[in-house]
C-alpha atoms as a PDB file:
ATOM      1  CA  MET A   1      -5.609  14.623 -27.832  1.00  0.00           C
ATOM      2  CA  LEU A   2      -8.062  16.393 -25.551  1.00  0.00           C
ATOM      3  CA  HIS A   3     -10.845  18.339 -27.297  1.00  0.00           C
ATOM      4  CA  GLY A   4     -10.780  21.959 -26.227  1.00  0.00           C
ATOM      5  CA  ASN A   5      -8.961  23.241 -23.165  1.00  0.00           C
ATOM      6  CA  SER A   6     -11.577  22.764 -20.438  1.00  0.00           C
ATOM      7  CA  VAL A   7      -9.913  19.895 -18.575  1.00  0.00           C
ATOM      8  CA  ARG A   8      -8.240  20.537 -15.230  1.00  0.00           C
ATOM      9  CA  ILE A   9      -6.156  18.058 -13.250  1.00  0.00           C
ATOM     10  CA  LEU A  10      -5.647  18.569  -9.524  1.00  0.00           C
ATOM     11  CA  THR A  11      -3.877  16.447  -6.948  1.00  0.00           C
ATOM     12  CA  GLY A  12      -3.477  16.231  -3.217  1.00  0.00           C
ATOM     13  CA  ASN A  13      -0.457  14.900  -1.338  1.00  0.00           C
ATOM     14  CA  SER A  14      -1.075  11.171  -1.736  1.00  0.00           C
ATOM     15  CA  HIS A  15       0.639  10.559  -5.090  1.00  0.00           C
ATOM     16  CA  PRO A  16       1.723  13.776  -6.853  1.00  0.00           C
ATOM     17  CA  GLU A  17       4.268  11.856  -8.977  1.00  0.00           C
ATOM     18  CA  LEU A  18       1.514   9.804 -10.649  1.00  0.00           C
ATOM     19  CA  ALA A  19      -0.607  12.925 -11.207  1.00  0.00           C
ATOM     20  CA  GLN A  20       2.337  14.682 -12.845  1.00  0.00           C
ATOM     21  CA  VAL A  21       3.011  11.782 -15.235  1.00  0.00           C
ATOM     22  CA  VAL A  22      -0.697  11.548 -16.141  1.00  0.00           C
ATOM     23  CA  ALA A  23      -0.819  15.294 -16.845  1.00  0.00           C
ATOM     24  CA  GLU A  24       2.276  15.044 -19.056  1.00  0.00           C
ATOM     25  CA  ARG A  25       0.701  12.196 -21.034  1.00  0.00           C
ATOM     26  CA  LEU A  26      -2.367  14.374 -21.610  1.00  0.00           C
ATOM     27  CA  ASN A  27      -0.177  17.361 -22.498  1.00  0.00           C
ATOM     28  CA  VAL A  28      -1.763  19.581 -19.852  1.00  0.00           C
ATOM     29  CA  LEU A  29      -0.363  21.329 -16.797  1.00  0.00           C
ATOM     30  CA  LEU A  30      -1.400  20.412 -13.277  1.00  0.00           C
ATOM     31  CA  THR A  31      -3.673  23.122 -11.885  1.00  0.00           C
ATOM     32  CA  PRO A  32      -1.748  24.917  -9.108  1.00  0.00           C
ATOM     33  CA  CYS A  33      -3.176  23.748  -5.812  1.00  0.00           C
ATOM     34  CA  THR A  34      -1.879  23.910  -2.255  1.00  0.00           C
ATOM     35  CA  VAL A  35      -2.959  21.309   0.287  1.00  0.00           C
ATOM     36  CA  LYS A  36      -1.458  21.771   3.729  1.00  0.00           C
ATOM     37  CA  LYS A  37      -2.319  21.416   7.408  1.00  0.00           C
ATOM     38  CA  PHE A  38      -2.868  23.901  10.165  1.00  0.00           C
ATOM     39  CA  SER A  39      -0.974  23.282  13.383  1.00  0.00           C
ATOM     40  CA  ASN A  40      -3.970  21.444  14.875  1.00  0.00           C
ATOM     41  CA  GLY A  41      -4.101  18.997  11.944  1.00  0.00           C
ATOM     42  CA  GLU A  42      -6.976  20.582   9.996  1.00  0.00           C
ATOM     43  CA  ILE A  43      -6.507  20.489   6.228  1.00  0.00           C
ATOM     44  CA  ASN A  44      -6.441  23.716   4.235  1.00  0.00           C
ATOM     45  CA  VAL A  45      -6.889  23.772   0.442  1.00  0.00           C
ATOM     46  CA  LYS A  46      -6.159  26.628  -1.951  1.00  0.00           C
ATOM     47  CA  ILE A  47      -6.807  26.342  -5.710  1.00  0.00           C
ATOM     48  CA  SER A  48      -4.786  29.088  -7.405  1.00  0.00           C
ATOM     49  CA  GLU A  49      -6.604  29.293 -10.751  1.00  0.00           C
ATOM     50  CA  SER A  50     -10.224  29.586 -11.826  1.00  0.00           C
ATOM     51  CA  ILE A  51     -11.966  26.275 -12.547  1.00  0.00           C
ATOM     52  CA  ARG A  52     -15.422  27.720 -13.246  1.00  0.00           C
ATOM     53  CA  ASP A  53     -17.309  25.558 -15.763  1.00  0.00           C
ATOM     54  CA  GLU A  54     -14.259  23.311 -16.181  1.00  0.00           C
ATOM     55  CA  ASP A  55     -14.064  19.504 -16.341  1.00  0.00           C
ATOM     56  CA  VAL A  56     -12.076  18.734 -13.182  1.00  0.00           C
ATOM     57  CA  PHE A  57     -10.209  15.491 -12.421  1.00  0.00           C
ATOM     58  CA  ILE A  58      -8.758  15.097  -8.928  1.00  0.00           C
ATOM     59  CA  ILE A  59      -6.096  12.374  -8.684  1.00  0.00           C
ATOM     60  CA  GLN A  60      -5.807  11.087  -5.121  1.00  0.00           C
ATOM     61  CA  SER A  61      -4.983   7.546  -4.019  1.00  0.00           C
ATOM     62  CA  GLY A  62      -5.933   5.809  -0.775  1.00  0.00           C
ATOM     63  CA  CYS A  63      -2.471   5.074   0.568  1.00  0.00           C
ATOM     64  CA  SER A  64      -0.124   5.609   3.527  1.00  0.00           C
ATOM     65  CA  ASP A  65      -1.981   8.204   5.648  1.00  0.00           C
ATOM     66  CA  VAL A  66      -5.265   6.995   4.203  1.00  0.00           C
ATOM     67  CA  ASN A  67      -7.537   9.084   6.446  1.00  0.00           C
ATOM     68  CA  ASP A  68      -5.665  12.325   5.714  1.00  0.00           C
ATOM     69  CA  ASN A  69      -5.648  11.538   2.001  1.00  0.00           C
ATOM     70  CA  LEU A  70      -9.372  10.808   2.034  1.00  0.00           C
ATOM     71  CA  MET A  71     -10.121  14.092   3.815  1.00  0.00           C
ATOM     72  CA  GLU A  72      -7.902  15.958   1.331  1.00  0.00           C
ATOM     73  CA  LEU A  73      -9.913  14.451  -1.515  1.00  0.00           C
ATOM     74  CA  LEU A  74     -13.259  15.343   0.059  1.00  0.00           C
ATOM     75  CA  ILE A  75     -12.179  18.927   0.755  1.00  0.00           C
ATOM     76  CA  LEU A  76     -10.779  19.311  -2.775  1.00  0.00           C
ATOM     77  CA  ILE A  77     -14.085  18.079  -4.224  1.00  0.00           C
ATOM     78  CA  SER A  78     -16.025  20.477  -2.016  1.00  0.00           C
ATOM     79  CA  ALA A  79     -13.749  23.366  -3.007  1.00  0.00           C
ATOM     80  CA  CYS A  80     -14.231  22.586  -6.702  1.00  0.00           C
ATOM     81  CA  LYS A  81     -18.000  22.339  -6.219  1.00  0.00           C
ATOM     82  CA  GLY A  82     -18.041  25.723  -4.529  1.00  0.00           C
ATOM     83  CA  ALA A  83     -15.916  27.139  -7.351  1.00  0.00           C
ATOM     84  CA  SER A  84     -18.604  26.157  -9.920  1.00  0.00           C
ATOM     85  CA  ALA A  85     -16.724  23.358 -11.696  1.00  0.00           C
ATOM     86  CA  ARG A  86     -18.864  21.859 -14.482  1.00  0.00           C
ATOM     87  CA  ARG A  87     -18.061  18.232 -13.540  1.00  0.00           C
ATOM     88  CA  ILE A  88     -15.879  16.762 -10.797  1.00  0.00           C
ATOM     89  CA  THR A  89     -14.298  13.341 -11.265  1.00  0.00           C
ATOM     90  CA  ALA A  90     -12.409  11.693  -8.412  1.00  0.00           C
ATOM     91  CA  VAL A  91      -9.613   9.558  -9.862  1.00  0.00           C
ATOM     92  CA  ILE A  92      -8.830   7.127  -7.034  1.00  0.00           C
ATOM     93  CA  PRO A  93      -6.273   4.549  -8.236  1.00  0.00           C
ATOM     94  CA  CYS A  94      -6.542   2.657  -4.934  1.00  0.00           C
ATOM     95  CA  TYR A  95      -9.981   2.978  -3.333  1.00  0.00           C
ATOM     96  CA  PRO A  96      -9.760   3.472   0.464  1.00  0.00           C
ATOM     97  CA  TYR A  97     -11.496   1.018   2.820  1.00  0.00           C
ATOM     98  CA  ALA A  98     -12.237  -1.323  -0.108  1.00  0.00           C
ATOM     99  CA  ARG A  99     -11.692  -4.380   2.125  1.00  0.00           C
ATOM    100  CA  MET A 100     -14.673  -3.353   4.258  1.00  0.00           C
ATOM    101  CA  ASP A 101     -17.221  -4.014   1.513  1.00  0.00           C
ATOM    102  CA  LYS A 102     -19.660  -6.271   3.375  1.00  0.00           C
ATOM    103  CA  LYS A 103     -20.903  -7.134   6.838  1.00  0.00           C
ATOM    104  CA  ASP A 104     -18.916 -10.311   7.459  1.00  0.00           C
ATOM    105  CA  ARG A 105     -19.564 -10.451  11.200  1.00  0.00           C
ATOM    106  CA  SER A 106     -21.925  -8.969  13.755  1.00  0.00           C
ATOM    107  CA  ARG A 107     -21.701  -5.195  14.233  1.00  0.00           C
ATOM    108  CA  ALA A 108     -19.147  -4.821  11.415  1.00  0.00           C
ATOM    109  CA  PRO A 109     -19.225  -1.553   9.424  1.00  0.00           C
ATOM    110  CA  ILE A 110     -19.481  -1.407   5.630  1.00  0.00           C
ATOM    111  CA  THR A 111     -16.953   1.408   5.395  1.00  0.00           C
ATOM    112  CA  ALA A 112     -16.589   1.238   1.612  1.00  0.00           C
ATOM    113  CA  LYS A 113     -20.229   2.366   1.405  1.00  0.00           C
ATOM    114  CA  LEU A 114     -19.565   5.158   3.911  1.00  0.00           C
ATOM    115  CA  VAL A 115     -16.724   6.434   1.700  1.00  0.00           C
ATOM    116  CA  ALA A 116     -19.077   6.384  -1.306  1.00  0.00           C
ATOM    117  CA  ASN A 117     -21.624   8.438   0.652  1.00  0.00           C
ATOM    118  CA  MET A 118     -18.961  10.940   1.694  1.00  0.00           C
ATOM    119  CA  LEU A 119     -17.807  11.417  -1.904  1.00  0.00           C
ATOM    120  CA  ALA A 120     -21.401  12.046  -2.997  1.00  0.00           C
ATOM    121  CA  VAL A 121     -22.077  14.559  -0.214  1.00  0.00           C
ATOM    122  CA  ALA A 122     -18.833  16.416  -1.005  1.00  0.00           C
ATOM    123  CA  GLY A 123     -20.109  16.971  -4.566  1.00  0.00           C
ATOM    124  CA  CYS A 124     -18.405  14.274  -6.665  1.00  0.00           C
ATOM    125  CA  ASP A 125     -20.060  13.522 -10.038  1.00  0.00           C
ATOM    126  CA  HIS A 126     -17.987  10.570 -11.242  1.00  0.00           C
ATOM    127  CA  VAL A 127     -15.355   8.150  -9.917  1.00  0.00           C
ATOM    128  CA  ILE A 128     -12.531   6.450 -11.805  1.00  0.00           C
ATOM    129  CA  THR A 129     -10.753   3.755  -9.830  1.00  0.00           C
ATOM    130  CA  MET A 130      -8.682   0.646 -10.496  1.00  0.00           C
ATOM    131  CA  ASP A 131      -8.966  -3.015  -9.458  1.00  0.00           C
ATOM    132  CA  LEU A 132     -11.618  -2.653  -6.776  1.00  0.00           C
ATOM    133  CA  HIS A 133     -11.288  -5.271  -4.062  1.00  0.00           C
ATOM    134  CA  ALA A 134     -14.918  -6.203  -4.729  1.00  0.00           C
ATOM    135  CA  ASN A 135     -16.892  -5.245  -7.823  1.00  0.00           C
ATOM    136  CA  GLN A 136     -20.081  -4.691  -5.825  1.00  0.00           C
ATOM    137  CA  ILE A 137     -18.563  -1.467  -4.458  1.00  0.00           C
ATOM    138  CA  GLN A 138     -19.631   0.143  -7.750  1.00  0.00           C
ATOM    139  CA  GLY A 139     -23.219  -0.386  -6.615  1.00  0.00           C
ATOM    140  CA  PHE A 140     -22.629   1.787  -3.537  1.00  0.00           C
ATOM    141  CA  PHE A 141     -22.729   4.883  -5.762  1.00  0.00           C
ATOM    142  CA  ASP A 142     -25.689   6.687  -7.351  1.00  0.00           C
ATOM    143  CA  PHE A 143     -23.456   8.218 -10.027  1.00  0.00           C
ATOM    144  CA  PRO A 144     -21.137   6.614 -12.630  1.00  0.00           C
ATOM    145  CA  VAL A 145     -18.123   4.575 -11.489  1.00  0.00           C
ATOM    146  CA  ASP A 146     -15.494   3.294 -13.934  1.00  0.00           C
ATOM    147  CA  ASN A 147     -13.447   0.458 -12.469  1.00  0.00           C
ATOM    148  CA  LEU A 148     -10.309   0.078 -14.579  1.00  0.00           C
ATOM    149  CA  TYR A 149      -8.282  -3.126 -14.636  1.00  0.00           C
ATOM    150  CA  SER A 150      -4.535  -3.673 -14.468  1.00  0.00           C
ATOM    151  CA  GLU A 151      -5.004  -7.131 -16.021  1.00  0.00           C
ATOM    152  CA  PRO A 152      -3.839  -6.080 -19.551  1.00  0.00           C
ATOM    153  CA  LEU A 153      -0.702  -4.522 -18.034  1.00  0.00           C
ATOM    154  CA  MET A 154      -0.045  -7.683 -16.009  1.00  0.00           C
ATOM    155  CA  ILE A 155      -0.433  -9.893 -19.077  1.00  0.00           C
ATOM    156  CA  ALA A 156       1.938  -7.671 -21.069  1.00  0.00           C
ATOM    157  CA  TYR A 157       4.477  -7.814 -18.221  1.00  0.00           C
ATOM    158  CA  ILE A 158       4.284 -11.613 -17.990  1.00  0.00           C
ATOM    159  CA  LYS A 159       4.853 -12.027 -21.723  1.00  0.00           C
ATOM    160  CA  ARG A 160       7.806  -9.657 -21.823  1.00  0.00           C
ATOM    161  CA  ASN A 161       9.589 -10.236 -18.531  1.00  0.00           C
ATOM    162  CA  ILE A 162       8.972 -13.754 -17.221  1.00  0.00           C
ATOM    163  CA  PRO A 163      11.120 -16.344 -19.032  1.00  0.00           C
ATOM    164  CA  ASP A 164       9.408 -19.628 -19.910  1.00  0.00           C
ATOM    165  CA  TRP A 165       5.979 -18.221 -18.976  1.00  0.00           C
ATOM    166  CA  LYS A 166       4.393 -20.635 -21.456  1.00  0.00           C
ATOM    167  CA  ASN A 167       5.416 -23.403 -19.067  1.00  0.00           C
ATOM    168  CA  GLY A 168       3.781 -21.438 -16.267  1.00  0.00           C
ATOM    169  CA  ILE A 169       0.669 -21.570 -14.161  1.00  0.00           C
ATOM    170  CA  ILE A 170      -1.343 -18.660 -12.717  1.00  0.00           C
ATOM    171  CA  VAL A 171      -2.089 -19.076  -9.012  1.00  0.00           C
ATOM    172  CA  SER A 172      -4.650 -17.437  -6.736  1.00  0.00           C
ATOM    173  CA  PRO A 173      -3.745 -17.372  -3.011  1.00  0.00           C
ATOM    174  CA  ASP A 174      -7.429 -17.710  -2.065  1.00  0.00           C
ATOM    175  CA  ALA A 175     -10.768 -18.717  -3.532  1.00  0.00           C
ATOM    176  CA  GLY A 176     -11.866 -15.079  -3.823  1.00  0.00           C
ATOM    177  CA  GLY A 177      -9.359 -14.466  -6.607  1.00  0.00           C
ATOM    178  CA  ALA A 178     -10.470 -17.428  -8.721  1.00  0.00           C
ATOM    179  CA  LYS A 179     -12.224 -15.287 -11.339  1.00  0.00           C
ATOM    180  CA  ARG A 180      -9.198 -13.031 -11.701  1.00  0.00           C
ATOM    181  CA  VAL A 181      -6.649 -15.822 -12.237  1.00  0.00           C
ATOM    182  CA  THR A 182      -8.859 -17.843 -14.586  1.00  0.00           C
ATOM    183  CA  ALA A 183      -9.339 -14.774 -16.796  1.00  0.00           C
ATOM    184  CA  ILE A 184      -5.569 -14.164 -16.981  1.00  0.00           C
ATOM    185  CA  ALA A 185      -4.806 -17.863 -17.505  1.00  0.00           C
ATOM    186  CA  ASP A 186      -7.342 -18.060 -20.360  1.00  0.00           C
ATOM    187  CA  LYS A 187      -5.830 -15.048 -22.128  1.00  0.00           C
ATOM    188  CA  LEU A 188      -2.321 -16.489 -21.760  1.00  0.00           C
ATOM    189  CA  GLY A 189      -3.448 -19.966 -22.753  1.00  0.00           C
ATOM    190  CA  ILE A 190      -1.962 -21.637 -19.670  1.00  0.00           C
ATOM    191  CA  GLU A 191      -3.321 -23.438 -16.595  1.00  0.00           C
ATOM    192  CA  PHE A 192      -4.378 -22.016 -13.244  1.00  0.00           C
ATOM    193  CA  ALA A 193      -4.265 -23.179  -9.635  1.00  0.00           C
ATOM    194  CA  LEU A 194      -6.039 -22.237  -6.408  1.00  0.00           C
ATOM    195  CA  ILE A 195      -4.602 -22.291  -2.913  1.00  0.00           C
ATOM    196  CA  HIS A 196      -6.758 -23.036   0.107  1.00  0.00           C
ATOM    197  CA  ARG A 197      -6.063 -21.250   3.379  1.00  0.00           C
ATOM    198  CA  GLN A 198      -7.078 -22.734   6.696  1.00  0.00           C
ATOM    199  CA  ARG A 199      -6.284 -22.312  10.368  1.00  0.00           C
ATOM    200  CA  THR A 200      -4.547 -25.078  12.264  1.00  0.00           C
ATOM    201  CA  GLY A 201      -6.821 -24.468  15.274  1.00  0.00           C
ATOM    202  CA  ARG A 202     -10.318 -23.228  16.004  1.00  0.00           C
ATOM    203  CA  SER A 203      -9.495 -19.813  17.451  1.00  0.00           C
ATOM    204  CA  GLU A 204      -9.059 -16.731  15.238  1.00  0.00           C
ATOM    205  CA  ASP A 205      -5.496 -16.374  16.557  1.00  0.00           C
ATOM    206  CA  ALA A 206      -4.523 -19.901  15.491  1.00  0.00           C
ATOM    207  CA  PRO A 207      -1.677 -20.155  12.941  1.00  0.00           C
ATOM    208  CA  GLU A 208      -2.627 -20.438   9.287  1.00  0.00           C
ATOM    209  CA  ARG A 209      -1.355 -22.733   6.593  1.00  0.00           C
ATOM    210  CA  MET A 210      -1.983 -23.027   2.876  1.00  0.00           C
ATOM    211  CA  GLU A 211      -2.235 -25.976   0.529  1.00  0.00           C
ATOM    212  CA  VAL A 212      -2.706 -26.205  -3.224  1.00  0.00           C
ATOM    213  CA  LEU A 213      -6.326 -27.197  -3.698  1.00  0.00           C
ATOM    214  CA  VAL A 214      -6.659 -27.149  -7.516  1.00  0.00           C
ATOM    215  CA  GLY A 215      -3.887 -27.501 -10.091  1.00  0.00           C
ATOM    216  CA  ASP A 216      -0.399 -29.013 -10.307  1.00  0.00           C
ATOM    217  CA  VAL A 217       2.500 -26.593  -9.801  1.00  0.00           C
ATOM    218  CA  ARG A 218       5.377 -29.101  -9.762  1.00  0.00           C
ATOM    219  CA  ASP A 219       8.304 -28.079 -12.008  1.00  0.00           C
ATOM    220  CA  LYS A 220       6.375 -25.085 -13.326  1.00  0.00           C
ATOM    221  CA  VAL A 221       6.896 -21.337 -13.323  1.00  0.00           C
ATOM    222  CA  THR A 222       4.217 -20.181 -10.864  1.00  0.00           C
ATOM    223  CA  ILE A 223       2.769 -16.680 -11.047  1.00  0.00           C
ATOM    224  CA  LEU A 224       0.843 -15.619  -7.936  1.00  0.00           C
ATOM    225  CA  VAL A 225      -1.776 -12.959  -8.737  1.00  0.00           C
ATOM    226  CA  ASP A 226      -3.646 -10.921  -6.119  1.00  0.00           C
ATOM    227  CA  ASP A 227      -5.296  -7.511  -5.867  1.00  0.00           C
ATOM    228  CA  MET A 228      -3.587  -6.260  -2.720  1.00  0.00           C
ATOM    229  CA  ILE A 229      -0.591  -6.868  -0.465  1.00  0.00           C
ATOM    230  CA  ASP A 230      -0.386  -5.216   2.943  1.00  0.00           C
ATOM    231  CA  SER A 231       1.244  -7.223   5.733  1.00  0.00           C
ATOM    232  CA  GLY A 232       2.694  -9.815   3.352  1.00  0.00           C
ATOM    233  CA  ASN A 233       1.410 -12.789   5.388  1.00  0.00           C
ATOM    234  CA  THR A 234      -0.651 -14.194   2.505  1.00  0.00           C
ATOM    235  CA  LEU A 235       2.295 -13.923   0.102  1.00  0.00           C
ATOM    236  CA  SER A 236       4.642 -15.602   2.581  1.00  0.00           C
ATOM    237  CA  LEU A 237       2.285 -18.535   3.211  1.00  0.00           C
ATOM    238  CA  ALA A 238       1.469 -18.952  -0.478  1.00  0.00           C
ATOM    239  CA  ALA A 239       5.119 -18.845  -1.580  1.00  0.00           C
ATOM    240  CA  LYS A 240       6.069 -21.482   1.019  1.00  0.00           C
ATOM    241  CA  SER A 241       3.166 -23.698  -0.106  1.00  0.00           C
ATOM    242  CA  LEU A 242       4.229 -23.448  -3.751  1.00  0.00           C
ATOM    243  CA  GLN A 243       7.839 -24.190  -2.851  1.00  0.00           C
ATOM    244  CA  ASP A 244       6.776 -27.241  -0.825  1.00  0.00           C
ATOM    245  CA  ASN A 245       4.753 -28.444  -3.820  1.00  0.00           C
ATOM    246  CA  GLY A 246       7.756 -28.358  -6.126  1.00  0.00           C
ATOM    247  CA  ALA A 247       7.309 -25.080  -8.019  1.00  0.00           C
ATOM    248  CA  LYS A 248      10.251 -24.351 -10.330  1.00  0.00           C
ATOM    249  CA  LYS A 249      10.153 -20.542  -9.914  1.00  0.00           C
ATOM    250  CA  ILE A 250       7.738 -18.225  -8.119  1.00  0.00           C
ATOM    251  CA  TYR A 251       6.687 -14.756  -9.207  1.00  0.00           C
ATOM    252  CA  ALA A 252       4.094 -12.537  -7.492  1.00  0.00           C
ATOM    253  CA  ILE A 253       2.052  -9.875  -9.308  1.00  0.00           C
ATOM    254  CA  VAL A 254      -0.195  -7.649  -7.185  1.00  0.00           C
ATOM    255  CA  SER A 255      -2.354  -4.670  -8.172  1.00  0.00           C
ATOM    256  CA  HIS A 256      -2.015  -2.531  -5.043  1.00  0.00           C
ATOM    257  CA  GLY A 257       1.247  -2.705  -3.114  1.00  0.00           C
ATOM    258  CA  LEU A 258       0.190  -1.159   0.199  1.00  0.00           C
ATOM    259  CA  LEU A 259       3.107  -2.787   2.052  1.00  0.00           C
ATOM    260  CA  SER A 260       2.260  -0.655   5.079  1.00  0.00           C
ATOM    261  CA  GLU A 261       3.032  -3.263   7.729  1.00  0.00           C
ATOM    262  CA  LEU A 262       5.835  -5.020   5.912  1.00  0.00           C
ATOM    263  CA  ASN A 263       9.561  -4.872   6.511  1.00  0.00           C
ATOM    264  CA  MET A 264      10.830  -5.052   2.922  1.00  0.00           C
ATOM    265  CA  SER A 265      13.782  -7.202   3.979  1.00  0.00           C
ATOM    266  CA  LYS A 266      11.259 -10.026   4.459  1.00  0.00           C
ATOM    267  CA  ILE A 267      10.500  -9.942   0.737  1.00  0.00           C
ATOM    268  CA  GLU A 268      14.199 -10.530   0.039  1.00  0.00           C
ATOM    269  CA  GLU A 269      14.056 -13.680   2.167  1.00  0.00           C
ATOM    270  CA  LEU A 270      11.013 -15.165   0.415  1.00  0.00           C
ATOM    271  CA  PRO A 271      11.507 -17.867  -2.257  1.00  0.00           C
ATOM    272  CA  ILE A 272      10.241 -15.581  -5.025  1.00  0.00           C
ATOM    273  CA  GLU A 273      12.026 -14.139  -8.042  1.00  0.00           C
ATOM    274  CA  GLN A 274      10.085 -10.853  -8.129  1.00  0.00           C
ATOM    275  CA  LEU A 275       7.250  -9.023  -6.433  1.00  0.00           C
ATOM    276  CA  VAL A 276       5.564  -6.955  -9.154  1.00  0.00           C
ATOM    277  CA  VAL A 277       3.167  -4.185  -8.101  1.00  0.00           C
ATOM    278  CA  THR A 278       1.557  -1.250  -9.888  1.00  0.00           C
ATOM    279  CA  ASN A 279       2.207   2.380  -8.987  1.00  0.00           C
ATOM    280  CA  THR A 280      -1.369   3.072  -7.870  1.00  0.00           C
ATOM    281  CA  ILE A 281       0.518   3.659  -4.601  1.00  0.00           C
ATOM    282  CA  PRO A 282       3.969   5.345  -4.389  1.00  0.00           C
ATOM    283  CA  GLN A 283       6.679   2.667  -4.348  1.00  0.00           C
ATOM    284  CA  LYS A 284       9.908   4.680  -4.320  1.00  0.00           C
ATOM    285  CA  HIS A 285      10.441   4.246  -0.575  1.00  0.00           C
ATOM    286  CA  HIS A 286       9.674   0.524  -0.753  1.00  0.00           C
ATOM    287  CA  GLN A 287      12.010  -0.059  -3.704  1.00  0.00           C
ATOM    288  CA  GLU A 288      14.939   1.393  -1.783  1.00  0.00           C
ATOM    289  CA  GLY A 289      14.815  -1.550   0.612  1.00  0.00           C
ATOM    290  CA  CYS A 290      14.020  -4.385  -1.776  1.00  0.00           C
ATOM    291  CA  SER A 291      15.771  -5.461  -4.978  1.00  0.00           C
ATOM    292  CA  LYS A 292      12.961  -7.908  -5.819  1.00  0.00           C
ATOM    293  CA  LEU A 293      10.277  -5.206  -6.008  1.00  0.00           C
ATOM    294  CA  VAL A 294       9.300  -4.182  -9.560  1.00  0.00           C
ATOM    295  CA  THR A 295       6.730  -1.524 -10.513  1.00  0.00           C
ATOM    296  CA  ILE A 296       4.273  -1.455 -13.432  1.00  0.00           C
ATOM    297  CA  ASP A 297       3.217   2.035 -14.537  1.00  0.00           C
ATOM    298  CA  VAL A 298      -0.580   2.515 -14.685  1.00  0.00           C
ATOM    299  CA  SER A 299      -0.412   6.139 -15.865  1.00  0.00           C
ATOM    300  CA  PRO A 300      -1.142   5.233 -19.537  1.00  0.00           C
ATOM    301  CA  THR A 301      -4.416   3.557 -18.547  1.00  0.00           C
ATOM    302  CA  ILE A 302      -5.461   6.377 -16.207  1.00  0.00           C
ATOM    303  CA  ALA A 303      -4.531   9.099 -18.699  1.00  0.00           C
ATOM    304  CA  GLU A 304      -6.470   7.365 -21.473  1.00  0.00           C
ATOM    305  CA  SER A 305      -9.521   6.967 -19.222  1.00  0.00           C
ATOM    306  CA  ILE A 306      -9.421  10.702 -18.424  1.00  0.00           C
ATOM    307  CA  ARG A 307      -9.047  11.608 -22.102  1.00  0.00           C
ATOM    308  CA  ARG A 308     -11.950   9.385 -23.139  1.00  0.00           C
ATOM    309  CA  THR A 309     -14.154  10.599 -20.282  1.00  0.00           C
ATOM    310  CA  HIS A 310     -13.483  14.236 -21.133  1.00  0.00           C
ATOM    311  CA  ASN A 311     -14.112  13.686 -24.853  1.00  0.00           C
ATOM    312  CA  GLY A 312     -17.273  11.663 -24.259  1.00  0.00           C
ATOM    313  CA  GLU A 313     -15.803   8.452 -25.680  1.00  0.00           C
ATOM    314  CA  SER A 314     -16.316   4.880 -24.518  1.00  0.00           C
ATOM    315  CA  ILE A 315     -13.676   3.519 -22.149  1.00  0.00           C
ATOM    316  CA  SER A 316     -14.707  -0.114 -22.548  1.00  0.00           C
ATOM    317  CA  LEU A 317     -11.677  -0.582 -24.809  1.00  0.00           C
ATOM    318  CA  LEU A 318      -9.495  -0.191 -21.712  1.00  0.00           C
ATOM    319  CA  PHE A 319     -10.938  -3.398 -20.301  1.00  0.00           C
ATOM    320  CA  GLY A 320      -9.438  -5.438 -23.138  1.00  0.00           C
ATOM    321  CA  ASP A 321      -6.024  -5.608 -24.781  1.00  0.00           C
ATOM    322  CA  TRP A 322      -5.556  -1.843 -25.128  1.00  0.00           C
ATOM    323  CA  ALA A 323      -2.318  -1.840 -23.119  1.00  0.00           C
ATOM    324  CA  HIS A 324      -0.819  -4.603 -25.239  1.00  0.00           C
ATOM    325  CA  VAL A 325      -1.897  -2.995 -28.526  1.00  0.00           C
ATOM    326  CA  ASN A 326      -0.438   0.367 -27.496  1.00  0.00           C
ATOM    327  CA  GLY A 327       2.886  -1.088 -26.417  1.00  0.00           C
ATOM    328  CA  TYR A 328       2.628  -0.693 -22.631  1.00  0.00           C
END
């Protein structure tokens, strides 16, 4: 239960369904708020109730029209700041521009840092996000950032929904996900594998291929784990590599299912049993075109983080087996 009645939950147009479910779990009503565009594309925000001296949480994910959604969030924060909110927390299930977290080539922007600066200038006091593409993004902020993890939800899903998972192996499609898969494999008590990606030629446009670098996947249930899927190229290459190496069955579990460049019929053609994603991004449209797509609900974790933040409680419990203990 929330202590007192000073919490307010607002949402823009990015993922109102998630915001509604979170509000219901907290037993509060969404604060009436209208976010619409003028004919020239400018965004207009109207908050219909007083939020003076309230603890405000704005739920807005970085998905689909990411630039519009980001501007909606910034304007909502600014409006709440101008309306004398006591504290403003941006709840961003999928952080926008998270892939641009470092300068990996000459003249490349670090856009994740720019987004952090914009949130600060708008008047944000606190950020709650989930499965950041790179943990160092938390260091881009001069105020508190809580990076939640979907790992407990993934582990619970594997145990309940993947037959013969004990004869399985957790697989990372690249070296960058090694820490993630080893942590999950350790908690499940099974092995892990890494896939190495390389280009067949020297140019950046050369075709890519993947090969299993560490681990034996032959005759095993393989569970690919990644933080993000967009075009689906990595999943396609990894699934083919696992199939070529004799994997018994292939599952894919991904935190953020952007799927913005992907024709969902391609997922049906892949040699995978299921593609499991969280609902940090709306998946209803994607599910209509793909029977293999399954969604994990992150609203319990987000709602609990809001409750604990509002009540001044530690949220470190959410980084462990909280989801499993609470039956999610």
